[in-house]
C-alpha atoms as a PDB file:
ATOM      1  CA  MET A   1     230.514 -72.794 151.212  1.00  0.00           C
ATOM      2  CA  LYS A   2     227.764 -70.219 151.443  1.00  0.00           C
ATOM      3  CA  GLN A   3     228.725 -66.972 153.277  1.00  0.00           C
ATOM      4  CA  SER A   4     226.530 -65.961 156.171  1.00  0.00           C
ATOM      5  CA  PRO A   5     224.700 -62.644 155.554  1.00  0.00           C
ATOM      6  CA  ALA A   6     225.186 -61.722 159.202  1.00  0.00           C
ATOM      7  CA  LEU A   7     228.884 -60.803 158.828  1.00  0.00           C
ATOM      8  CA  PRO A   8     228.433 -57.876 156.383  1.00  0.00           C
ATOM      9  CA  ILE A   9     225.599 -56.541 158.529  1.00  0.00           C
ATOM     10  CA  VAL A  10     227.779 -56.653 161.650  1.00  0.00           C
ATOM     11  CA  LEU A  11     230.657 -54.897 159.860  1.00  0.00           C
ATOM     12  CA  LEU A  12     228.331 -52.230 158.499  1.00  0.00           C
ATOM     13  CA  ALA A  13     226.882 -51.587 161.946  1.00  0.00           C
ATOM     14  CA  ALA A  14     230.387 -51.262 163.425  1.00  0.00           C
ATOM     15  CA  ALA A  15     231.375 -48.782 160.726  1.00  0.00           C
ATOM     16  CA  LEU A  16     228.285 -46.677 161.297  1.00  0.00           C
ATOM     17  CA  LEU A  17     228.865 -46.685 165.048  1.00  0.00           C
ATOM     18  CA  ALA A  18     232.477 -45.548 164.577  1.00  0.00           C
ATOM     19  CA  GLY A  19     231.291 -42.710 162.365  1.00  0.00           C
ATOM     20  CA  CYS A  20     228.910 -41.491 165.064  1.00  0.00           C
ATOM     21  CA  VAL A  21     231.634 -40.945 167.670  1.00  0.00           C
ATOM     22  CA  SER A  22     234.563 -39.677 165.582  1.00  0.00           C
ATOM     23  CA  VAL A  23     235.561 -36.297 164.238  1.00  0.00           C
ATOM     24  CA  ASP A  24     236.833 -35.687 160.721  1.00  0.00           C
ATOM     25  CA  VAL A  25     240.138 -37.465 161.396  1.00  0.00           C
ATOM     26  CA  GLY A  26     241.106 -37.384 157.745  1.00  0.00           C
ATOM     27  CA  GLY A  27     240.329 -33.715 157.245  1.00  0.00           C
ATOM     28  CA  GLY A  28     238.049 -34.619 154.311  1.00  0.00           C
ATOM     29  CA  SER A  29     240.967 -35.995 152.274  1.00  0.00           C
ATOM     30  CA  THR A  30     243.017 -39.156 151.869  1.00  0.00           C
ATOM     31  CA  ARG A  31     246.328 -37.286 151.629  1.00  0.00           C
ATOM     32  CA  GLN A  32     248.658 -36.463 154.510  1.00  0.00           C
ATOM     33  CA  VAL A  33     248.392 -32.801 155.554  1.00  0.00           C
ATOM     34  CA  ARG A  34     250.768 -30.977 157.911  1.00  0.00           C
ATOM     35  CA  PHE A  35     249.626 -27.884 159.776  1.00  0.00           C
ATOM     36  CA  VAL A  36     251.577 -24.901 161.092  1.00  0.00           C
ATOM     37  CA  LEU A  37     250.833 -23.644 164.606  1.00  0.00           C
ATOM     38  CA  GLU A  38     250.685 -19.847 164.569  1.00  0.00           C
ATOM     39  CA  ASP A  39     250.112 -16.918 166.913  1.00  0.00           C
ATOM     40  CA  ALA A  40     246.874 -15.226 165.815  1.00  0.00           C
ATOM     41  CA  ARG A  41     247.931 -11.858 167.307  1.00  0.00           C
ATOM     42  CA  PRO A  42     251.740 -11.623 167.233  1.00  0.00           C
ATOM     43  CA  ASP A  43     252.093  -7.833 167.391  1.00  0.00           C
ATOM     44  CA  MET A  44     252.405  -6.046 170.731  1.00  0.00           C
ATOM     45  CA  THR A  45     253.051  -2.481 171.863  1.00  0.00           C
ATOM     46  CA  ARG A  46     256.805  -2.065 172.240  1.00  0.00           C
ATOM     47  CA  ARG A  47     258.284  -1.266 175.648  1.00  0.00           C
ATOM     48  CA  ASP A  48     260.434   1.825 176.175  1.00  0.00           C
ATOM     49  CA  THR A  49     263.017  -0.199 178.109  1.00  0.00           C
ATOM     50  CA  PRO A  50     263.449  -3.961 178.558  1.00  0.00           C
ATOM     51  CA  ALA A  51     262.374  -5.607 181.806  1.00  0.00           C
ATOM     52  CA  ALA A  52     265.729  -7.421 182.082  1.00  0.00           C
ATOM     53  CA  GLN A  53     268.933  -7.871 180.121  1.00  0.00           C
ATOM     54  CA  SER A  54     268.897 -11.394 178.755  1.00  0.00           C
ATOM     55  CA  LEU A  55     266.628 -14.436 178.622  1.00  0.00           C
ATOM     56  CA  VAL A  56     267.185 -17.991 177.417  1.00  0.00           C
ATOM     57  CA  LEU A  57     264.222 -20.128 176.337  1.00  0.00           C
ATOM     58  CA  GLN A  58     264.087 -23.874 176.866  1.00  0.00           C
ATOM     59  CA  GLY A  59     261.462 -26.569 176.401  1.00  0.00           C
ATOM     60  CA  PHE A  60     260.768 -28.561 179.559  1.00  0.00           C
ATOM     61  CA  PRO A  61     259.223 -32.063 179.690  1.00  0.00           C
ATOM     62  CA  GLY A  62     255.434 -31.975 179.632  1.00  0.00           C
ATOM     63  CA  ASN A  63     252.727 -33.911 177.815  1.00  0.00           C
ATOM     64  CA  PRO A  64     254.348 -36.583 175.579  1.00  0.00           C
ATOM     65  CA  LEU A  65     251.985 -35.619 172.735  1.00  0.00           C
ATOM     66  CA  ALA A  66     253.480 -32.121 172.802  1.00  0.00           C
ATOM     67  CA  SER A  67     256.852 -33.724 172.027  1.00  0.00           C
ATOM     68  CA  SER A  68     255.503 -35.428 168.920  1.00  0.00           C
ATOM     69  CA  LEU A  69     254.052 -34.270 165.615  1.00  0.00           C
ATOM     70  CA  SER A  70     250.671 -35.881 166.335  1.00  0.00           C
ATOM     71  CA  MET A  71     247.543 -33.729 166.487  1.00  0.00           C
ATOM     72  CA  ALA A  72     245.366 -34.953 169.343  1.00  0.00           C
ATOM     73  CA  TYR A  73     241.628 -34.839 169.894  1.00  0.00           C
ATOM     74  CA  ALA A  74     239.294 -36.201 172.557  1.00  0.00           C
ATOM     75  CA  THR A  75     235.661 -37.290 172.426  1.00  0.00           C
ATOM     76  CA  ALA A  76     235.471 -38.237 176.125  1.00  0.00           C
ATOM     77  CA  PRO A  77     237.204 -37.104 179.355  1.00  0.00           C
ATOM     78  CA  GLY A  78     240.517 -38.784 180.098  1.00  0.00           C
ATOM     79  CA  GLN A  79     241.049 -39.974 176.525  1.00  0.00           C
ATOM     80  CA  ARG A  80     243.233 -38.850 173.638  1.00  0.00           C
ATOM     81  CA  GLU A  81     243.233 -39.956 170.014  1.00  0.00           C
ATOM     82  CA  VAL A  82     245.247 -38.627 167.094  1.00  0.00           C
ATOM     83  CA  TYR A  83     244.224 -37.498 163.625  1.00  0.00           C
ATOM     84  CA  GLN A  84     245.144 -40.187 161.100  1.00  0.00           C
ATOM     85  CA  LEU A  85     246.141 -38.021 158.137  1.00  0.00           C
ATOM     86  CA  SER A  86     246.996 -34.709 159.838  1.00  0.00           C
ATOM     87  CA  THR A  87     250.093 -33.768 161.827  1.00  0.00           C
ATOM     88  CA  TRP A  88     251.936 -30.665 163.001  1.00  0.00           C
ATOM     89  CA  VAL A  89     254.816 -29.373 160.875  1.00  0.00           C
ATOM     90  CA  GLN A  90     256.758 -28.749 164.081  1.00  0.00           C
ATOM     91  CA  ARG A  91     256.416 -30.271 167.539  1.00  0.00           C
ATOM     92  CA  PRO A  92     254.108 -28.035 169.642  1.00  0.00           C
ATOM     93  CA  THR A  93     256.697 -27.325 172.354  1.00  0.00           C
ATOM     94  CA  GLN A  94     259.258 -26.100 169.810  1.00  0.00           C
ATOM     95  CA  ALA A  95     256.633 -24.212 167.817  1.00  0.00           C
ATOM     96  CA  LEU A  96     255.402 -22.372 170.921  1.00  0.00           C
ATOM     97  CA  LEU A  97     258.973 -21.474 171.925  1.00  0.00           C
ATOM     98  CA  GLY A  98     259.544 -19.936 168.503  1.00  0.00           C
ATOM     99  CA  LEU A  99     256.281 -18.005 168.582  1.00  0.00           C
ATOM    100  CA  LEU A 100     256.953 -16.755 172.108  1.00  0.00           C
ATOM    101  CA  ARG A 101     260.415 -15.582 171.098  1.00  0.00           C
ATOM    102  CA  GLN A 102     258.883 -13.567 168.255  1.00  0.00           C
ATOM    103  CA  ARG A 103     256.436 -11.968 170.685  1.00  0.00           C
ATOM    104  CA  LEU A 104     259.169 -11.062 173.167  1.00  0.00           C
ATOM    105  CA  GLU A 105     261.426  -9.580 170.480  1.00  0.00           C
ATOM    106  CA  ARG A 106     258.638  -7.471 168.992  1.00  0.00           C
ATOM    107  CA  ARG A 107     257.648  -6.343 172.466  1.00  0.00           C
ATOM    108  CA  GLY A 108     261.220  -5.512 173.493  1.00  0.00           C
ATOM    109  CA  ALA A 109     260.540  -7.314 176.757  1.00  0.00           C
ATOM    110  CA  LEU A 110     264.189  -8.368 177.145  1.00  0.00           C
ATOM    111  CA  ALA A 111     267.393  -6.885 175.781  1.00  0.00           C
ATOM    112  CA  THR A 112     268.220 -10.270 174.210  1.00  0.00           C
ATOM    113  CA  VAL A 113     266.229 -13.459 173.773  1.00  0.00           C
ATOM    114  CA  SER A 114     267.815 -16.728 172.648  1.00  0.00           C
ATOM    115  CA  ASN A 115     267.153 -20.445 172.673  1.00  0.00           C
ATOM    116  CA  LEU A 116     269.197 -22.821 174.776  1.00  0.00           C
ATOM    117  CA  GLY A 117     271.987 -24.301 172.686  1.00  0.00           C
ATOM    118  CA  GLU A 118     272.609 -21.224 170.556  1.00  0.00           C
ATOM    119  CA  GLY A 119     275.760 -20.399 172.514  1.00  0.00           C
ATOM    120  CA  VAL A 120     274.352 -17.109 173.818  1.00  0.00           C
ATOM    121  CA  GLY A 121     274.481 -16.405 177.547  1.00  0.00           C
ATOM    122  CA  GLY A 122     271.546 -15.217 179.598  1.00  0.00           C
ATOM    123  CA  ASP A 123     270.851 -14.119 183.155  1.00  0.00           C
ATOM    124  CA  LEU A 124     267.403 -15.730 183.210  1.00  0.00           C
ATOM    125  CA  LEU A 125     265.965 -18.925 181.782  1.00  0.00           C
ATOM    126  CA  LEU A 126     262.317 -19.462 180.938  1.00  0.00           C
ATOM    127  CA  GLY A 127     261.312 -23.109 180.773  1.00  0.00           C
ATOM    128  CA  ILE A 128     258.109 -23.910 178.881  1.00  0.00           C
ATOM    129  CA  ALA A 129     256.289 -27.212 179.415  1.00  0.00           C
ATOM    130  CA  VAL A 130     253.161 -27.931 177.361  1.00  0.00           C
ATOM    131  CA  GLU A 131     250.809 -29.744 179.704  1.00  0.00           C
ATOM    132  CA  ASP A 132     247.945 -30.135 177.207  1.00  0.00           C
ATOM    133  CA  ILE A 133     247.229 -29.259 173.587  1.00  0.00           C
ATOM    134  CA  TYR A 134     244.245 -30.911 171.943  1.00  0.00           C
ATOM    135  CA  HIS A 135     240.888 -30.607 170.195  1.00  0.00           C
ATOM    136  CA  ASP A 136     238.139 -31.172 172.756  1.00  0.00           C
ATOM    137  CA  ALA A 137     235.512 -32.746 170.503  1.00  0.00           C
ATOM    138  CA  ALA A 138     233.108 -33.920 173.195  1.00  0.00           C
ATOM    139  CA  GLU A 139     230.570 -31.499 171.705  1.00  0.00           C
ATOM    140  CA  LYS A 140     230.958 -30.580 168.047  1.00  0.00           C
ATOM    141  CA  PRO A 141     232.515 -28.599 166.578  1.00  0.00           C
ATOM    142  CA  GLY A 142     234.603 -28.487 169.732  1.00  0.00           C
ATOM    143  CA  VAL A 143     237.160 -26.372 171.559  1.00  0.00           C
ATOM    144  CA  ALA A 144     240.932 -25.986 171.214  1.00  0.00           C
ATOM    145  CA  ARG A 145     242.549 -26.336 174.639  1.00  0.00           C
ATOM    146  CA  LEU A 146     246.098 -25.272 175.481  1.00  0.00           C
ATOM    147  CA  THR A 147     247.773 -25.473 178.894  1.00  0.00           C
ATOM    148  CA  VAL A 148     251.377 -24.375 179.476  1.00  0.00           C
ATOM    149  CA  ARG A 149     253.547 -24.262 182.598  1.00  0.00           C
ATOM    150  CA  ALA A 150     256.210 -21.547 182.727  1.00  0.00           C
ATOM    151  CA  ASP A 151     259.234 -21.654 185.066  1.00  0.00           C
ATOM    152  CA  LEU A 152     261.459 -18.571 185.361  1.00  0.00           C
ATOM    153  CA  ILE A 153     264.905 -19.459 186.714  1.00  0.00           C
ATOM    154  CA  ASN A 154     267.920 -17.384 187.748  1.00  0.00           C
ATOM    155  CA  ARG A 155     270.780 -19.080 185.886  1.00  0.00           C
ATOM    156  CA  GLN A 156     273.490 -17.773 188.197  1.00  0.00           C
ATOM    157  CA  SER A 157     271.969 -18.898 191.482  1.00  0.00           C
ATOM    158  CA  ARG A 158     269.952 -21.744 189.909  1.00  0.00           C
ATOM    159  CA  THR A 159     266.877 -20.698 191.841  1.00  0.00           C
ATOM    160  CA  LEU A 160     263.260 -20.694 190.754  1.00  0.00           C
ATOM    161  CA  LEU A 161     262.043 -17.089 190.641  1.00  0.00           C
ATOM    162  CA  ALA A 162     258.471 -17.673 189.534  1.00  0.00           C
ATOM    163  CA  ARG A 163     256.190 -20.417 188.261  1.00  0.00           C
ATOM    164  CA  ARG A 164     252.718 -20.262 186.780  1.00  0.00           C
ATOM    165  CA  THR A 165     250.394 -22.403 184.701  1.00  0.00           C
ATOM    166  CA  PHE A 166     248.490 -20.708 181.873  1.00  0.00           C
ATOM    167  CA  ALA A 167     245.418 -22.109 180.136  1.00  0.00           C
ATOM    168  CA  ALA A 168     243.525 -20.813 177.101  1.00  0.00           C
ATOM    169  CA  THR A 169     240.696 -22.028 174.891  1.00  0.00           C
ATOM    170  CA  ALA A 170     239.103 -21.100 171.564  1.00  0.00           C
ATOM    171  CA  ARG A 171     236.027 -22.512 169.836  1.00  0.00           C
ATOM    172  CA  LEU A 172     236.327 -24.251 166.473  1.00  0.00           C
ATOM    173  CA  ALA A 173     234.304 -23.226 163.444  1.00  0.00           C
ATOM    174  CA  ALA A 174     234.152 -26.847 162.247  1.00  0.00           C
ATOM    175  CA  ALA A 175     235.183 -30.275 163.513  1.00  0.00           C
ATOM    176  CA  ASN A 176     238.297 -30.807 161.392  1.00  0.00           C
ATOM    177  CA  PRO A 177     242.089 -30.361 161.675  1.00  0.00           C
ATOM    178  CA  ALA A 178     242.200 -27.084 159.711  1.00  0.00           C
ATOM    179  CA  ALA A 179     239.626 -25.441 161.997  1.00  0.00           C
ATOM    180  CA  PHE A 180     241.436 -26.867 165.026  1.00  0.00           C
ATOM    181  CA  THR A 181     244.694 -25.287 163.840  1.00  0.00           C
ATOM    182  CA  ARG A 182     243.057 -21.871 163.428  1.00  0.00           C
ATOM    183  CA  ALA A 183     241.423 -22.109 166.851  1.00  0.00           C
ATOM    184  CA  MET A 184     244.722 -23.165 168.424  1.00  0.00           C
ATOM    185  CA  GLY A 185     246.277 -20.022 166.948  1.00  0.00           C
ATOM    186  CA  GLU A 186     243.658 -17.981 168.825  1.00  0.00           C
ATOM    187  CA  ALA A 187     244.282 -19.951 172.035  1.00  0.00           C
ATOM    188  CA  THR A 188     248.025 -19.414 171.658  1.00  0.00           C
ATOM    189  CA  ALA A 189     247.522 -15.663 171.270  1.00  0.00           C
ATOM    190  CA  THR A 190     245.295 -15.500 174.362  1.00  0.00           C
ATOM    191  CA  LEU A 191     247.796 -17.487 176.410  1.00  0.00           C
ATOM    192  CA  PHE A 192     250.694 -15.246 175.333  1.00  0.00           C
ATOM    193  CA  ASP A 193     248.609 -12.157 176.179  1.00  0.00           C
ATOM    194  CA  GLU A 194     248.765 -13.342 179.814  1.00  0.00           C
ATOM    195  CA  LEU A 195     252.206 -14.929 179.836  1.00  0.00           C
ATOM    196  CA  VAL A 196     254.211 -11.981 178.470  1.00  0.00           C
ATOM    197  CA  PRO A 197     253.108  -9.429 181.132  1.00  0.00           C
ATOM    198  CA  TRP A 198     253.702 -12.050 183.834  1.00  0.00           C
ATOM    199  CA  LEU A 199     257.198 -12.688 182.482  1.00  0.00           C
ATOM    200  CA  GLU A 200     258.020  -8.991 182.335  1.00  0.00           C
ATOM    201  CA  ALA A 201     256.971  -8.472 185.954  1.00  0.00           C
ATOM    202  CA  SER A 202     258.786 -11.602 187.146  1.00  0.00           C
ATOM    203  CA  ALA A 203     261.917 -10.881 185.102  1.00  0.00           C
ATOM    204  CA  GLY A 204     262.052  -7.331 186.463  1.00  0.00           C
ATOM    205  CA  THR A 205     261.920  -8.664 190.018  1.00  0.00           C
ATOM    206  CA  GLY A 206     264.568 -11.258 189.207  1.00  0.00           C
ATOM    207  CA  ALA A 207     266.858  -8.660 187.666  1.00  0.00           C
ATOM    208  CA  GLN A 208     266.659  -6.477 190.786  1.00  0.00           C
ATOM    209  CA  ALA A 209     267.521  -9.492 192.942  1.00  0.00           C
ATOM    210  CA  THR A 210     270.779 -10.076 191.031  1.00  0.00           C
ATOM    211  CA  GLU A 211     271.984  -6.474 191.238  1.00  0.00           C
END
């Protein structure tokens, strides 16, 4: 039976169309690559005295993608896709908690900082929920977008002391996972630059309320 020449043409057209609307989902390689989320500016001026005695960090439920290792991108509003051959080494929520802890310890913002489950007590609890973390590729090379909600809670009274949503962006140098990772490091640093002073002010107020 003779094969119709129309089928290869249709498949070729579909492949070309897919290439027009996608980013470099494979990162230019056929091998699986895992990327580390970092804080581009981890160092801070150290405080003379801590804002409060003790703080416990905990990840709160947020965007399901932030609870997975998938690296997300979007080419249109209201949509998310994931890179095929690129993932995070660590889930974004846990990675951000670790990076924030490093910032707070270098800053001396609290006398002690620990993660929930370490068996260390704390007067205050900071819950971090990642609402969005993705490569906005609507216009190449795109923008890294990070949105985080922070809840500061008094653990003794179980009351919410303060809540705020932080958002940060950083432009990519190229439309690929490696450039997205570097840009997300810049966005993370910018977000922490706002979150840490807010936490210090809110923790200081919370500490006074418990005295």
